[in-house]
Amino acid sequence: MDPAAEPGADKEFANEGLTSRFAALLAAAEALSAELDQPQVADDVLLAERELERVRRIIGAAQIDNVARIDTDALHRIDGHRSVTAHVKHVLRISGAEASRRFRASRAFRRLPDIAAALRSGRISLDHVQVITAIHANPRIKEKVPGRQAKLLRWAEEESFDDFAQKAWDWAHMVDLDGGFKDNKRHHDNRTVRLVHNSIENIWDLTGHVAADQGARLREILYHYVQMLWHEDWADARDRLGDTATLSDLARTDAQRRADALARIFDDAAGAPPGTTAPRIVHNIVWSADTYLGLAELLGADAAALDSHWSTSLTDTGAQRALWCDPDQYRCSTLDGVSLEPVEQFFSSLANHIRRVIVSTKGVVIDLGTKARLFTGSARLAAQLQSPRCIWPGCDVPTTRCEIDHLREHAKGGPTNPANGAPLCGFHNRWKQKGFTVTKDPDTGRWRTYRPDGQAIE
C-alpha cells in the first residue's frame, strides 16, 4: 500500500498519546465523511462548508508546524535527503511547489507568531498564509513584515481574499519601491513573445510575457476588440433568432473570441497603409488621491517640472518610504483593479501617455448629471470606478466586462450618476431584479447586497 495513502500505517507512535489522538481523529473524519454523504438540508450543507474549511486550516497549521520540527531537528538527513523540501515531497508524495510552500511557511512562522496563531485557530486560510509568506520571502522587506502582522490579519478577516491579496502586495510594492521599480524594468527588458508551430498537433503556440504597463495596455486593446466581436455575435444571434436569442446562442465562446480578437488586431495592423494613425483607445490608470500626491511628494515633486524618463533615480530612506501612503488608501491600477508599478505610471502620467483618473479615499467621483438614461462615455467610466470587479459578493468578473446599471431603478427616479451606478456582470445584473438590493456604505465605501427578505449576503 502506498505509504502516502495511509501515513504511519506501517509504524506505531512511541508516544501512546499521539497514537490514540490520531486514531480518534481518523475515526471522526471517517464518520463525518459518511454522515455528510447522506442527504442534508441546505443550511447544514452551507454550515458544513465553513466548518470543513476551519478544520482544513487547523490541520494545515499542524502540517507546517511538523515541517518546522523536521527542519529544527534535521530529521530529513536520516534518509539522506538533501533538504527538508525534498524530504517532504518524497515522503508525502506531493508536488515540489507544495513542499516548498510548507517549508517557507515553517520558516516564516518563527518570525510571524501572530500569523501562525491565526492559522492554528482557523481565523485565516492557507491561501492567506501563502501570500504573507511569499511577501516575507522578499529579502528587501523581510524585516518589515513582522511589524505589519496586525494590519495583514485585519485585511484577511475583513476583505475578500482577492482584495486582501491586492492590499498585501500593494503594501509590499510601496515598501519596496526601489526594488519594484527595478524588477519592473527588468521584466520590461526581458519582454518576449513567441509564435511557434507545433508540428505534432499542427497548431501554433503563442506564449510570452511583458512588464506591467505594456501588459495592461495590450490587454485593454485586446478586450476592446473582444467586446466588438461580442456585439457582432449578439447581433448575429438576434438576426437568426429574434427576441428568443440568449447568450448560449452566440456563435463563439469567450475563448474563441479572444483568439479571433487577436487575429483581428493583426489583420487591422497589416492592412493599414503606411503612416496611418491607429484608432485611439484610451488607457485609463486609476489612482487614489493619497497615492498620487504622496508619490509626487516622495519623488521630489513639482509635477510640472519632473522628467518622465524611466531612469530617474530614486533617493529616499526605507523608513520614510514605508510611510509615504496609507496602505488602506493605496491604489494604482487599471479599471479592473490590476496593480501597476507606481513609479513608471507616475512619470507616464506626467508625459500624458495615459489618462490619469484620481478618486477620493471612498472611491467617490463627481456627479455627472441626472437626466441621462444610460451610462455612456464619462458617466460609464465614473461608474466603473466604483469597483474593479462586479460588486456582487464572490463575483470576480472584471469591471470592463460588466454592465453598468442603476442601483435605484431609473423608472423609480434613480439618477444616472456615479453614486447610483455600479458594475454588475450580466448574470448578476439580471439576478438583482429578483428583489435583491445593493447599497454602498457612505462612510466605509463597502458594498452590501441584501436578499429580498432584507438579510445581508455575507
Protein backbone atom coordinates (compact mmCIF):
# COMPACT_ATOMS: atom_id res chain seq x y z
CA MET A 1 0.00 0.00 0.00
CA ASP A 2 1.21 3.49 -0.84
CA PRO A 3 2.52 5.00 2.43
CA ALA A 4 1.11 8.38 1.36
CA ALA A 5 -2.39 6.86 1.31
CA GLU A 6 -2.01 5.52 4.86
CA PRO A 7 0.55 7.75 6.65
CA GLY A 8 2.09 5.85 9.52
CA ALA A 9 0.19 2.65 8.69
CA ASP A 10 3.33 0.53 8.86
CA LYS A 11 4.67 2.13 12.06
CA GLU A 12 3.41 2.96 15.52
CA PHE A 13 4.00 6.09 17.58
CA ALA A 14 6.34 5.81 20.52
CA ASN A 15 4.05 8.32 22.21
CA GLU A 16 0.83 6.46 23.08
CA GLY A 17 -0.99 9.77 23.41
CA LEU A 18 -0.35 10.54 19.74
CA THR A 19 -1.48 7.04 18.78
CA SER A 20 -4.85 7.48 20.48
CA ARG A 21 -5.35 11.05 19.20
CA PHE A 22 -4.69 10.15 15.56
CA ALA A 23 -6.89 7.06 15.86
CA ALA A 24 -9.71 9.21 17.24
CA LEU A 25 -9.14 11.88 14.59
CA LEU A 26 -9.21 9.37 11.72
CA ALA A 27 -12.29 7.65 13.12
CA ALA A 28 -14.06 11.00 13.49
CA ALA A 29 -13.10 12.01 9.95
CA GLU A 30 -14.45 8.76 8.52
CA ALA A 31 -17.69 9.11 10.47
CA LEU A 32 -18.08 12.74 9.40
CA SER A 33 -17.45 11.86 5.74
CA ALA A 34 -20.10 9.12 5.89
CA GLU A 35 -22.59 11.46 7.56
CA LEU A 36 -22.03 14.27 5.03
CA ASP A 37 -22.52 11.77 2.22
CA GLN A 38 -26.16 11.44 3.29
CA PRO A 39 -28.85 13.93 2.17
CA GLN A 40 -28.70 17.14 4.21
CA VAL A 41 -30.84 20.26 4.49
CA ALA A 42 -29.39 23.32 2.73
CA ASP A 43 -28.46 25.15 5.95
CA ASP A 44 -26.43 22.18 7.19
CA VAL A 45 -24.60 21.86 3.87
CA LEU A 46 -23.62 25.53 3.97
CA LEU A 47 -22.56 25.33 7.63
CA ALA A 48 -20.52 22.19 6.90
CA GLU A 49 -18.74 24.11 4.14
CA ARG A 50 -17.46 26.63 6.69
CA GLU A 51 -16.59 24.08 9.37
CA LEU A 52 -14.72 21.80 6.97
CA GLU A 53 -12.60 24.78 5.87
CA ARG A 54 -11.86 25.62 9.51
CA VAL A 55 -10.69 22.05 10.14
CA ARG A 56 -8.55 22.17 7.00
CA ARG A 57 -6.86 25.34 8.23
CA ILE A 58 -6.07 23.87 11.65
CA ILE A 59 -4.71 20.66 10.11
CA GLY A 60 -2.71 22.75 7.63
CA ALA A 61 -1.13 24.66 10.51
CA ALA A 62 -0.20 21.36 12.19
CA GLN A 63 1.45 20.19 8.96
CA ILE A 64 3.51 23.39 8.77
CA ASP A 65 4.49 23.05 12.45
CA ASN A 66 5.56 19.46 11.83
CA VAL A 67 7.75 20.59 8.92
CA ALA A 68 9.32 23.12 11.30
CA ARG A 69 10.20 20.32 13.73
CA ILE A 70 11.73 18.26 10.90
CA ASP A 71 13.81 21.30 9.98
CA THR A 72 14.86 22.13 13.55
CA ASP A 73 15.89 18.56 14.37
CA ALA A 74 17.36 17.90 10.90
CA LEU A 75 15.23 14.77 10.61
CA HIS A 76 15.37 14.92 6.82
CA ARG A 77 19.00 13.85 6.95
CA ILE A 78 18.21 10.43 8.41
CA ASP A 79 17.48 9.02 4.95
CA GLY A 80 19.96 11.23 3.15
CA HIS A 81 17.57 13.85 1.77
CA ARG A 82 19.45 16.99 0.80
CA SER A 83 16.74 19.34 2.05
CA VAL A 84 13.55 19.47 4.08
CA THR A 85 11.61 20.23 0.90
CA ALA A 86 12.99 17.14 -0.85
CA HIS A 87 12.10 15.01 2.19
CA VAL A 88 8.53 16.30 2.43
CA LYS A 89 7.95 15.96 -1.32
CA HIS A 90 9.18 12.34 -1.30
CA VAL A 91 7.56 11.08 1.89
CA LEU A 92 4.13 12.63 1.29
CA ARG A 93 4.12 12.18 -2.49
CA ILE A 94 3.18 15.81 -3.04
CA SER A 95 4.41 18.38 -5.55
CA GLY A 96 7.66 20.22 -5.08
CA ALA A 97 5.75 23.51 -5.13
CA GLU A 98 3.52 22.44 -2.21
CA ALA A 99 6.50 21.11 -0.26
CA SER A 100 8.29 24.43 -0.81
CA ARG A 101 5.24 26.39 0.37
CA ARG A 102 5.08 24.41 3.62
CA PHE A 103 8.79 24.84 4.25
CA ARG A 104 8.69 28.56 3.51
CA ALA A 105 5.74 28.96 5.88
CA SER A 106 7.51 26.98 8.62
CA ARG A 107 10.49 29.34 8.45
CA ALA A 108 8.28 32.44 8.31
CA PHE A 109 6.21 31.35 11.33
CA ARG A 110 9.29 31.72 13.55
CA ARG A 111 9.18 35.46 12.90
CA LEU A 112 5.42 35.84 12.41
CA PRO A 113 3.82 34.37 15.56
CA ASP A 114 0.54 36.25 15.13
CA ILE A 115 0.06 34.88 11.60
CA ALA A 116 0.87 31.35 12.83
CA ALA A 117 -1.61 31.65 15.71
CA ALA A 118 -4.33 32.90 13.36
CA LEU A 119 -3.94 29.86 11.10
CA ARG A 120 -3.82 27.45 14.05
CA SER A 121 -7.16 28.84 15.27
CA GLY A 122 -8.70 28.76 11.79
CA ARG A 123 -9.11 32.55 11.57
CA ILE A 124 -7.24 32.81 8.25
CA SER A 125 -6.76 30.39 5.38
CA LEU A 126 -3.74 28.63 3.95
CA ASP A 127 -4.12 30.89 0.90
CA HIS A 128 -3.68 33.95 3.14
CA VAL A 129 -0.57 32.38 4.63
CA GLN A 130 0.84 31.69 1.17
CA VAL A 131 0.56 35.38 0.22
CA ILE A 132 2.07 36.59 3.51
CA THR A 133 4.98 34.15 3.46
CA ALA A 134 5.70 34.96 -0.20
CA ILE A 135 5.97 38.64 0.75
CA HIS A 136 8.09 37.71 3.76
CA ALA A 137 10.46 35.83 1.44
CA ASN A 138 11.49 39.10 -0.24
CA PRO A 139 14.83 39.86 1.47
CA ARG A 140 14.46 43.60 0.82
CA ILE A 141 11.37 43.93 3.03
CA LYS A 142 11.60 40.81 5.22
CA GLU A 143 12.37 42.82 8.37
CA LYS A 144 9.25 44.97 7.92
CA VAL A 145 6.70 42.14 7.73
CA PRO A 146 6.59 41.23 11.48
CA GLY A 147 5.53 44.77 12.32
CA ARG A 148 2.73 44.56 9.74
CA GLN A 149 1.06 41.42 11.16
CA ALA A 150 -1.91 43.19 12.77
CA LYS A 151 -2.75 45.05 9.55
CA LEU A 152 -2.41 41.90 7.43
CA LEU A 153 -4.72 39.98 9.78
CA ARG A 154 -7.29 42.76 9.71
CA TRP A 155 -7.32 42.72 5.92
CA ALA A 156 -7.56 38.91 5.89
CA GLU A 157 -10.58 38.91 8.20
CA GLU A 158 -12.44 41.89 6.72
CA GLU A 159 -11.76 41.69 2.98
CA SER A 160 -12.44 39.14 0.27
CA PHE A 161 -9.34 37.07 -0.47
CA ASP A 162 -8.70 38.90 -3.76
CA ASP A 163 -8.91 42.30 -2.06
CA PHE A 164 -6.68 41.06 0.78
CA ALA A 165 -4.05 39.83 -1.67
CA GLN A 166 -4.25 43.10 -3.60
CA LYS A 167 -3.70 45.19 -0.46
CA ALA A 168 -0.94 42.94 0.85
CA TRP A 169 1.01 43.07 -2.41
CA ASP A 170 0.34 46.80 -2.78
CA TRP A 171 1.87 47.35 0.66
CA ALA A 172 4.86 45.24 -0.33
CA HIS A 173 5.33 47.28 -3.51
CA MET A 174 5.05 50.53 -1.54
CA VAL A 175 7.73 49.49 0.92
CA ASP A 176 9.94 48.04 -1.80
CA LEU A 177 9.54 50.96 -4.20
CA ASP A 178 13.14 50.84 -5.46
CA GLY A 179 13.09 47.07 -5.83
CA GLY A 180 9.70 47.05 -7.53
CA PHE A 181 10.81 49.71 -9.98
CA LYS A 182 13.97 47.76 -10.82
CA ASP A 183 12.06 44.46 -11.09
CA ASN A 184 9.56 46.04 -13.45
CA LYS A 185 12.34 47.49 -15.60
CA ARG A 186 13.98 44.06 -15.71
CA HIS A 187 10.68 42.48 -16.77
CA HIS A 188 10.40 45.11 -19.50
CA ASP A 189 13.96 44.48 -20.67
CA ASN A 190 13.24 40.73 -20.79
CA ARG A 191 9.93 41.05 -22.63
CA THR A 192 9.36 38.40 -25.27
CA VAL A 193 6.69 36.81 -27.44
CA ARG A 194 6.93 33.53 -29.32
CA LEU A 195 4.66 32.15 -32.02
CA VAL A 196 5.88 28.60 -32.62
CA HIS A 197 4.47 25.89 -34.84
CA ASN A 198 3.66 22.65 -33.01
CA SER A 199 4.31 20.11 -35.76
CA ILE A 200 2.92 17.19 -33.76
CA GLU A 201 -0.58 18.64 -33.44
CA ASN A 202 -0.23 21.11 -36.33
CA ILE A 203 -1.21 24.10 -34.22
CA TRP A 204 0.54 27.33 -33.29
CA ASP A 205 1.55 28.03 -29.69
CA LEU A 206 1.59 31.70 -28.64
CA THR A 207 3.50 32.43 -25.43
CA GLY A 208 5.35 35.33 -23.89
CA HIS A 209 5.49 37.90 -21.13
CA VAL A 210 5.73 41.67 -20.83
CA ALA A 211 6.01 44.14 -17.93
CA ALA A 212 3.06 45.60 -16.05
CA ASP A 213 2.37 48.77 -18.06
CA GLN A 214 2.77 47.26 -21.51
CA GLY A 215 0.68 44.26 -20.49
CA ALA A 216 -2.12 46.47 -19.19
CA ARG A 217 -2.20 48.44 -22.44
CA LEU A 218 -2.17 45.30 -24.58
CA ARG A 219 -4.99 43.80 -22.54
CA GLU A 220 -7.07 46.96 -22.84
CA ILE A 221 -6.71 46.90 -26.63
CA LEU A 222 -7.40 43.15 -26.79
CA TYR A 223 -10.61 43.44 -24.78
CA HIS A 224 -11.73 46.42 -26.84
CA TYR A 225 -11.67 44.04 -29.80
CA VAL A 226 -13.23 41.19 -27.77
CA GLN A 227 -16.13 43.47 -26.86
CA MET A 228 -16.51 44.46 -30.51
CA LEU A 229 -16.71 40.78 -31.55
CA TRP A 230 -19.20 40.08 -28.76
CA HIS A 231 -21.53 42.72 -30.19
CA GLU A 232 -21.10 41.16 -33.65
CA ASP A 233 -22.03 37.72 -32.25
CA TRP A 234 -25.03 39.13 -30.40
CA ALA A 235 -26.29 40.93 -33.49
CA ASP A 236 -25.93 37.69 -35.46
CA ALA A 237 -27.89 35.74 -32.82
CA ARG A 238 -30.66 38.33 -32.84
CA ASP A 239 -30.80 38.22 -36.65
CA ARG A 240 -31.17 34.42 -36.55
CA LEU A 241 -33.46 34.00 -33.54
CA GLY A 242 -35.01 37.38 -32.81
CA ASP A 243 -36.11 38.13 -29.24
CA THR A 244 -35.66 34.47 -28.20
CA ALA A 245 -31.86 34.72 -28.53
CA THR A 246 -29.84 34.06 -25.36
CA LEU A 247 -26.13 34.15 -24.56
CA SER A 248 -25.91 30.41 -25.18
CA ASP A 249 -26.83 31.10 -28.83
CA LEU A 250 -23.69 33.14 -29.53
CA ALA A 251 -21.62 31.69 -32.35
CA ARG A 252 -18.32 31.84 -30.44
CA THR A 253 -17.16 31.11 -26.90
CA ASP A 254 -15.23 33.68 -24.86
CA ALA A 255 -12.00 31.80 -25.60
CA GLN A 256 -12.70 31.78 -29.33
CA ARG A 257 -13.49 35.50 -29.31
CA ARG A 258 -10.18 36.24 -27.59
CA ALA A 259 -8.29 34.29 -30.24
CA ASP A 260 -10.24 35.92 -33.08
CA ALA A 261 -9.77 39.36 -31.49
CA LEU A 262 -6.00 38.94 -31.53
CA ALA A 263 -6.15 37.80 -35.16
CA ARG A 264 -8.32 40.85 -35.99
CA ILE A 265 -5.74 43.14 -34.38
CA PHE A 266 -3.00 41.61 -36.54
CA ASP A 267 -5.17 41.86 -39.67
CA ASP A 268 -6.01 45.51 -38.99
CA ALA A 269 -2.35 46.34 -38.43
CA ALA A 270 -1.27 44.52 -41.59
CA GLY A 271 -3.98 46.16 -43.68
CA ALA A 272 -3.32 49.71 -42.53
CA PRO A 273 -1.50 51.88 -45.10
CA PRO A 274 1.96 53.11 -44.07
CA GLY A 275 1.74 56.24 -41.94
CA THR A 276 -1.86 55.59 -40.90
CA THR A 277 -2.71 56.75 -37.39
CA ALA A 278 -4.21 53.91 -35.36
CA PRO A 279 -7.64 54.42 -33.74
CA ARG A 280 -7.18 55.93 -30.29
CA ILE A 281 -8.06 53.66 -27.37
CA VAL A 282 -7.84 55.48 -24.06
CA HIS A 283 -5.68 53.74 -21.47
CA ASN A 284 -7.07 54.62 -18.03
CA ILE A 285 -4.98 54.37 -14.86
CA VAL A 286 -6.84 54.80 -11.59
CA TRP A 287 -5.08 56.42 -8.63
CA SER A 288 -6.26 57.23 -5.16
CA ALA A 289 -5.53 60.85 -4.32
CA ASP A 290 -3.32 59.80 -1.39
CA THR A 291 -1.22 57.53 -3.61
CA TYR A 292 -0.64 60.06 -6.36
CA LEU A 293 0.06 63.06 -4.14
CA GLY A 294 2.17 61.00 -1.72
CA LEU A 295 4.28 59.65 -4.55
CA ALA A 296 4.68 63.14 -6.03
CA GLU A 297 5.98 64.40 -2.70
CA LEU A 298 8.26 61.40 -2.27
CA LEU A 299 9.84 61.73 -5.70
CA GLY A 300 10.55 65.38 -5.18
CA ALA A 301 7.56 66.58 -6.57
CA ASP A 302 6.90 69.59 -8.66
CA ALA A 303 4.77 67.65 -11.14
CA ALA A 304 5.19 70.21 -13.89
CA ALA A 305 8.98 70.07 -13.68
CA LEU A 306 9.60 66.35 -13.24
CA ASP A 307 11.34 64.48 -16.03
CA SER A 308 9.33 61.49 -17.27
CA HIS A 309 12.31 59.32 -18.20
CA TRP A 310 12.27 55.90 -16.55
CA SER A 311 15.88 56.14 -15.48
CA THR A 312 15.10 58.92 -12.98
CA SER A 313 16.92 57.98 -9.79
CA LEU A 314 15.04 57.27 -6.59
CA THR A 315 16.54 58.62 -3.39
CA ASP A 316 14.87 58.03 -0.06
CA THR A 317 15.29 56.05 3.12
CA GLY A 318 13.33 52.85 3.56
CA ALA A 319 11.77 54.18 6.76
CA GLN A 320 10.43 57.29 5.05
CA ARG A 321 9.26 55.31 2.05
CA ALA A 322 7.25 52.92 4.21
CA LEU A 323 5.10 55.84 5.33
CA TRP A 324 4.54 57.69 2.06
CA CYS A 325 0.92 56.47 1.75
CA ASP A 326 -1.62 54.74 3.99
CA PRO A 327 -1.87 51.17 2.61
CA ASP A 328 -5.63 51.23 3.18
CA GLN A 329 -5.90 54.16 0.77
CA TYR A 330 -3.35 53.00 -1.81
CA ARG A 331 -4.43 52.46 -5.40
CA CYS A 332 -2.55 52.48 -8.68
CA SER A 333 -4.29 50.10 -11.04
CA THR A 334 -6.28 49.53 -14.19
CA LEU A 335 -10.05 49.86 -14.13
CA ASP A 336 -10.21 46.11 -13.40
CA GLY A 337 -8.04 46.52 -10.31
CA VAL A 338 -4.83 45.05 -11.77
CA SER A 339 -1.91 46.62 -9.88
CA LEU A 340 0.68 48.58 -11.82
CA GLU A 341 4.18 49.72 -10.92
CA PRO A 342 3.55 53.20 -9.47
CA VAL A 343 6.82 54.99 -10.32
CA GLU A 344 6.57 54.08 -14.00
CA GLN A 345 2.91 55.11 -14.09
CA PHE A 346 3.61 58.37 -12.28
CA PHE A 347 6.12 59.53 -14.88
CA SER A 348 3.92 58.27 -17.72
CA SER A 349 1.03 60.31 -16.35
CA LEU A 350 3.16 63.46 -16.44
CA ALA A 351 4.08 62.78 -20.05
CA ASN A 352 0.41 62.33 -20.99
CA HIS A 353 0.94 58.76 -22.20
CA ILE A 354 -2.21 57.72 -20.34
CA ARG A 355 -5.37 59.20 -18.89
CA ARG A 356 -4.87 59.74 -15.20
CA VAL A 357 -8.00 59.23 -13.08
CA ILE A 358 -7.89 60.21 -9.42
CA VAL A 359 -10.58 59.15 -6.96
CA SER A 360 -11.20 60.02 -3.33
CA THR A 361 -10.45 57.67 -0.44
CA LYS A 362 -14.03 56.34 -0.64
CA GLY A 363 -13.96 55.85 -4.41
CA VAL A 364 -16.34 58.78 -4.88
CA VAL A 365 -16.25 60.66 -8.21
CA ILE A 366 -18.01 63.83 -9.33
CA ASP A 367 -21.74 63.84 -10.13
CA LEU A 368 -22.17 63.79 -13.90
CA GLY A 369 -25.85 64.71 -14.05
CA THR A 370 -29.23 63.05 -13.57
CA LYS A 371 -31.03 63.35 -16.90
CA ALA A 372 -29.29 60.66 -18.92
CA ARG A 373 -31.00 57.27 -19.18
CA LEU A 374 -27.91 55.17 -19.94
CA PHE A 375 -24.40 55.12 -18.54
CA THR A 376 -22.21 56.06 -21.51
CA GLY A 377 -18.95 57.92 -22.05
CA SER A 378 -17.64 59.65 -18.95
CA ALA A 379 -20.68 58.60 -16.92
CA ARG A 380 -19.90 54.96 -17.64
CA LEU A 381 -16.22 55.43 -16.76
CA ALA A 382 -17.14 57.12 -13.49
CA ALA A 383 -19.49 54.26 -12.57
CA GLN A 384 -16.79 51.70 -13.43
CA LEU A 385 -14.50 53.43 -10.97
CA GLN A 386 -16.83 52.38 -8.14
CA SER A 387 -15.28 48.88 -8.16
CA PRO A 388 -12.60 46.96 -10.09
CA ARG A 389 -14.97 43.98 -10.49
CA CYS A 390 -18.64 43.05 -10.32
CA ILE A 391 -19.90 44.25 -6.94
CA TRP A 392 -21.93 41.08 -6.25
CA PRO A 393 -20.42 39.12 -3.33
CA GLY A 394 -17.98 36.49 -4.58
CA CYS A 395 -18.08 37.53 -8.26
CA ASP A 396 -14.75 38.13 -9.98
CA VAL A 397 -15.87 39.39 -13.41
CA PRO A 398 -13.68 42.49 -14.09
CA THR A 399 -15.43 45.83 -14.35
CA THR A 400 -14.58 46.34 -18.03
CA ARG A 401 -16.66 43.24 -18.85
CA CYS A 402 -19.59 44.30 -16.66
CA GLU A 403 -22.78 46.16 -17.39
CA ILE A 404 -23.39 49.46 -15.62
CA ASP A 405 -26.80 49.58 -14.02
CA HIS A 406 -28.79 51.86 -11.75
CA LEU A 407 -28.80 50.74 -8.12
CA ARG A 408 -32.10 52.53 -7.72
CA GLU A 409 -34.07 51.92 -10.89
CA HIS A 410 -34.27 54.81 -13.32
CA ALA A 411 -38.01 54.20 -13.68
CA LYS A 412 -38.38 54.83 -9.95
CA GLY A 413 -36.49 58.10 -10.02
CA GLY A 414 -32.95 56.77 -9.79
CA PRO A 415 -30.45 59.26 -11.27
CA THR A 416 -27.83 58.36 -13.86
CA ASN A 417 -24.77 59.39 -11.89
CA PRO A 418 -21.85 57.57 -10.26
CA ALA A 419 -23.48 57.48 -6.83
CA ASN A 420 -26.38 55.47 -8.29
CA GLY A 421 -24.39 53.29 -10.70
CA ALA A 422 -22.11 50.33 -10.31
CA PRO A 423 -20.63 47.49 -12.37
CA LEU A 424 -22.59 44.23 -12.36
CA CYS A 425 -21.89 41.29 -14.65
CA GLY A 426 -24.75 40.33 -16.94
CA PHE A 427 -25.80 37.40 -14.75
CA HIS A 428 -25.94 39.37 -11.50
CA ASN A 429 -27.50 42.42 -13.15
CA ARG A 430 -30.43 40.20 -14.10
CA TRP A 431 -30.38 38.37 -10.77
CA LYS A 432 -30.71 41.70 -8.94
CA GLN A 433 -34.15 42.08 -10.49
CA LYS A 434 -35.41 39.22 -8.30
CA GLY A 435 -35.77 41.65 -5.41
CA PHE A 436 -32.16 42.00 -4.26
CA THR A 437 -30.84 45.38 -3.15
CA VAL A 438 -27.30 46.69 -3.49
CA THR A 439 -26.04 49.66 -1.49
CA LYS A 440 -22.74 51.35 -0.74
CA ASP A 441 -21.90 52.45 2.79
CA PRO A 442 -21.19 56.21 2.54
CA ASP A 443 -18.69 56.05 5.42
CA THR A 444 -16.65 52.94 4.60
CA GLY A 445 -17.24 52.69 0.85
CA ARG A 446 -18.10 48.98 1.22
CA TRP A 447 -20.73 47.34 -0.97
CA ARG A 448 -23.55 45.41 0.70
CA THR A 449 -26.04 43.12 -1.05
CA TYR A 450 -29.34 42.21 0.61
CA ARG A 451 -31.70 39.35 -0.15
CA PRO A 452 -35.39 40.09 -0.79
CA ASP A 453 -36.10 39.35 2.92
CA GLY A 454 -33.60 42.06 3.94
CA GLN A 455 -30.85 39.69 5.11
CA ALA A 456 -27.34 40.70 4.04
CA ILE A 457 -25.28 38.27 1.98
CA GLU A 458 -22.09 37.65 3.94
